[in-house]
Amino acid sequence: MRITLELSDYTPTTGLRTHWQEGFSIATSGTADCFLLKANKAGLISLATHLLTLAQDGVPEGCHIHYDESNSLEDESIELVIQKTA
């Protein structure tokens, strides 16, 4: 199976632009000892696209993607922030 991903270029004006696969579902939960991320196929492909977008050379350190119930995660999920470091 081959999957083709479309990545958006980062610009200081627009920042990071993420793409979502139709029908995505992502849920997170956690305890002091474990973080669980559950996603269907569309959710996993979407997250892969987001990670590759964040990893691009033009994206500055400190840039991040924030996920929460209001912005992509299923109800009762805990917030997830993925940040680029050097």
C-alpha atoms as a PDB file:
ATOM      1  CA  MET A   1       0.000   0.000   0.000  1.00  0.00           C
ATOM      2  CA  ARG A   2       1.299   3.437  -0.875  1.00  0.00           C
ATOM      3  CA  ILE A   3       0.019   6.597   0.813  1.00  0.00           C
ATOM      4  CA  THR A   4       0.697  10.016  -0.666  1.00  0.00           C
ATOM      5  CA  LEU A   5       0.714  12.920   1.794  1.00  0.00           C
ATOM      6  CA  GLU A   6       0.319  16.600   0.981  1.00  0.00           C
ATOM      7  CA  LEU A   7       2.412  18.889   3.180  1.00  0.00           C
ATOM      8  CA  SER A   8       1.869  22.636   3.443  1.00  0.00           C
ATOM      9  CA  ASP A   9       4.901  24.885   3.536  1.00  0.00           C
ATOM     10  CA  TYR A  10       5.434  26.937   6.677  1.00  0.00           C
ATOM     11  CA  THR A  11       5.537  30.705   6.336  1.00  0.00           C
ATOM     12  CA  PRO A  12       5.836  33.249   9.163  1.00  0.00           C
ATOM     13  CA  THR A  13       2.599  34.832   7.920  1.00  0.00           C
ATOM     14  CA  THR A  14       0.419  31.714   7.797  1.00  0.00           C
ATOM     15  CA  GLY A  15       2.301  29.532  10.280  1.00  0.00           C
ATOM     16  CA  LEU A  16       1.561  25.815  10.184  1.00  0.00           C
ATOM     17  CA  ARG A  17      -1.378  24.665   8.112  1.00  0.00           C
ATOM     18  CA  THR A  18      -2.590  21.143   8.791  1.00  0.00           C
ATOM     19  CA  HIS A  19      -4.620  18.830   6.582  1.00  0.00           C
ATOM     20  CA  TRP A  20      -7.165  16.354   7.881  1.00  0.00           C
ATOM     21  CA  GLN A  21      -8.264  13.122   6.245  1.00  0.00           C
ATOM     22  CA  GLU A  22     -12.027  12.811   5.883  1.00  0.00           C
ATOM     23  CA  GLY A  23     -13.588  10.796   8.696  1.00  0.00           C
ATOM     24  CA  PHE A  24     -10.654  11.112  11.116  1.00  0.00           C
ATOM     25  CA  SER A  25     -11.087  10.148  14.747  1.00  0.00           C
ATOM     26  CA  ILE A  26      -8.483  10.738  17.447  1.00  0.00           C
ATOM     27  CA  ALA A  27      -8.827  10.259  21.193  1.00  0.00           C
ATOM     28  CA  THR A  28      -6.301  10.693  23.991  1.00  0.00           C
ATOM     29  CA  SER A  29      -6.222   9.684  27.629  1.00  0.00           C
ATOM     30  CA  GLY A  30      -3.585   9.351  30.253  1.00  0.00           C
ATOM     31  CA  THR A  31      -2.471   8.701  33.767  1.00  0.00           C
ATOM     32  CA  ALA A  32       0.668   9.644  35.621  1.00  0.00           C
ATOM     33  CA  ASP A  33       2.351   6.585  34.086  1.00  0.00           C
ATOM     34  CA  CYS A  34       0.873   6.274  30.601  1.00  0.00           C
ATOM     35  CA  PHE A  35      -0.369   8.381  27.696  1.00  0.00           C
ATOM     36  CA  LEU A  36      -2.715   6.662  25.223  1.00  0.00           C
ATOM     37  CA  LEU A  37      -3.488   7.974  21.742  1.00  0.00           C
ATOM     38  CA  LYS A  38      -6.168   6.074  19.800  1.00  0.00           C
ATOM     39  CA  ALA A  39      -6.948   6.866  16.178  1.00  0.00           C
ATOM     40  CA  ASN A  40      -8.617   5.301  13.175  1.00  0.00           C
ATOM     41  CA  LYS A  41      -6.790   5.032   9.844  1.00  0.00           C
ATOM     42  CA  ALA A  42      -7.777   8.556   8.757  1.00  0.00           C
ATOM     43  CA  GLY A  43      -6.676   9.904  12.138  1.00  0.00           C
ATOM     44  CA  LEU A  44      -3.290   8.200  11.943  1.00  0.00           C
ATOM     45  CA  ILE A  45      -2.682   9.485   8.411  1.00  0.00           C
ATOM     46  CA  SER A  46      -3.691  12.989   9.540  1.00  0.00           C
ATOM     47  CA  LEU A  47      -1.279  12.848  12.490  1.00  0.00           C
ATOM     48  CA  ALA A  48       1.520  11.568  10.234  1.00  0.00           C
ATOM     49  CA  THR A  49       0.937  14.519   7.917  1.00  0.00           C
ATOM     50  CA  HIS A  50       0.997  16.940  10.850  1.00  0.00           C
ATOM     51  CA  LEU A  51       4.250  15.486  12.215  1.00  0.00           C
ATOM     52  CA  LEU A  52       5.952  15.672   8.812  1.00  0.00           C
ATOM     53  CA  THR A  53       4.722  19.243   8.355  1.00  0.00           C
ATOM     54  CA  LEU A  54       6.186  20.183  11.739  1.00  0.00           C
ATOM     55  CA  ALA A  55       9.481  18.430  10.897  1.00  0.00           C
ATOM     56  CA  GLN A  56      10.164  20.514   7.758  1.00  0.00           C
ATOM     57  CA  ASP A  57      13.428  22.480   7.728  1.00  0.00           C
ATOM     58  CA  GLY A  58      11.685  25.867   7.443  1.00  0.00           C
ATOM     59  CA  VAL A  59       9.606  25.377  10.586  1.00  0.00           C
ATOM     60  CA  PRO A  60      11.262  27.169  13.530  1.00  0.00           C
ATOM     61  CA  GLU A  61      12.013  25.664  16.922  1.00  0.00           C
ATOM     62  CA  GLY A  62       9.129  26.191  19.343  1.00  0.00           C
ATOM     63  CA  CYS A  63       6.438  25.906  16.678  1.00  0.00           C
ATOM     64  CA  HIS A  64       3.710  23.554  17.854  1.00  0.00           C
ATOM     65  CA  ILE A  65       0.384  21.921  17.071  1.00  0.00           C
ATOM     66  CA  HIS A  66      -2.257  21.923  19.796  1.00  0.00           C
ATOM     67  CA  TYR A  67      -5.035  19.329  19.868  1.00  0.00           C
ATOM     68  CA  ASP A  68      -8.013  19.366  22.235  1.00  0.00           C
ATOM     69  CA  GLU A  69     -11.728  18.512  22.356  1.00  0.00           C
ATOM     70  CA  SER A  70     -12.638  21.815  20.670  1.00  0.00           C
ATOM     71  CA  ASN A  71     -10.127  21.326  17.883  1.00  0.00           C
ATOM     72  CA  SER A  72      -9.951  17.706  16.716  1.00  0.00           C
ATOM     73  CA  LEU A  73      -9.976  15.247  19.615  1.00  0.00           C
ATOM     74  CA  GLU A  74     -12.905  13.122  20.689  1.00  0.00           C
ATOM     75  CA  ASP A  75     -14.909  14.091  23.784  1.00  0.00           C
ATOM     76  CA  GLU A  76     -13.235  13.454  27.144  1.00  0.00           C
ATOM     77  CA  SER A  77      -9.758  13.472  25.550  1.00  0.00           C
ATOM     78  CA  ILE A  78      -6.883  15.196  27.292  1.00  0.00           C
ATOM     79  CA  GLU A  79      -5.027  17.981  25.505  1.00  0.00           C
ATOM     80  CA  LEU A  80      -2.056  17.104  23.332  1.00  0.00           C
ATOM     81  CA  VAL A  81       0.644  19.546  22.253  1.00  0.00           C
ATOM     82  CA  ILE A  82       3.423  18.515  19.862  1.00  0.00           C
ATOM     83  CA  GLN A  83       6.286  21.025  19.726  1.00  0.00           C
ATOM     84  CA  LYS A  84       9.378  21.169  17.516  1.00  0.00           C
ATOM     85  CA  THR A  85      12.748  21.394  19.248  1.00  0.00           C
ATOM     86  CA  ALA A  86      16.274  21.707  17.900  1.00  0.00           C
END
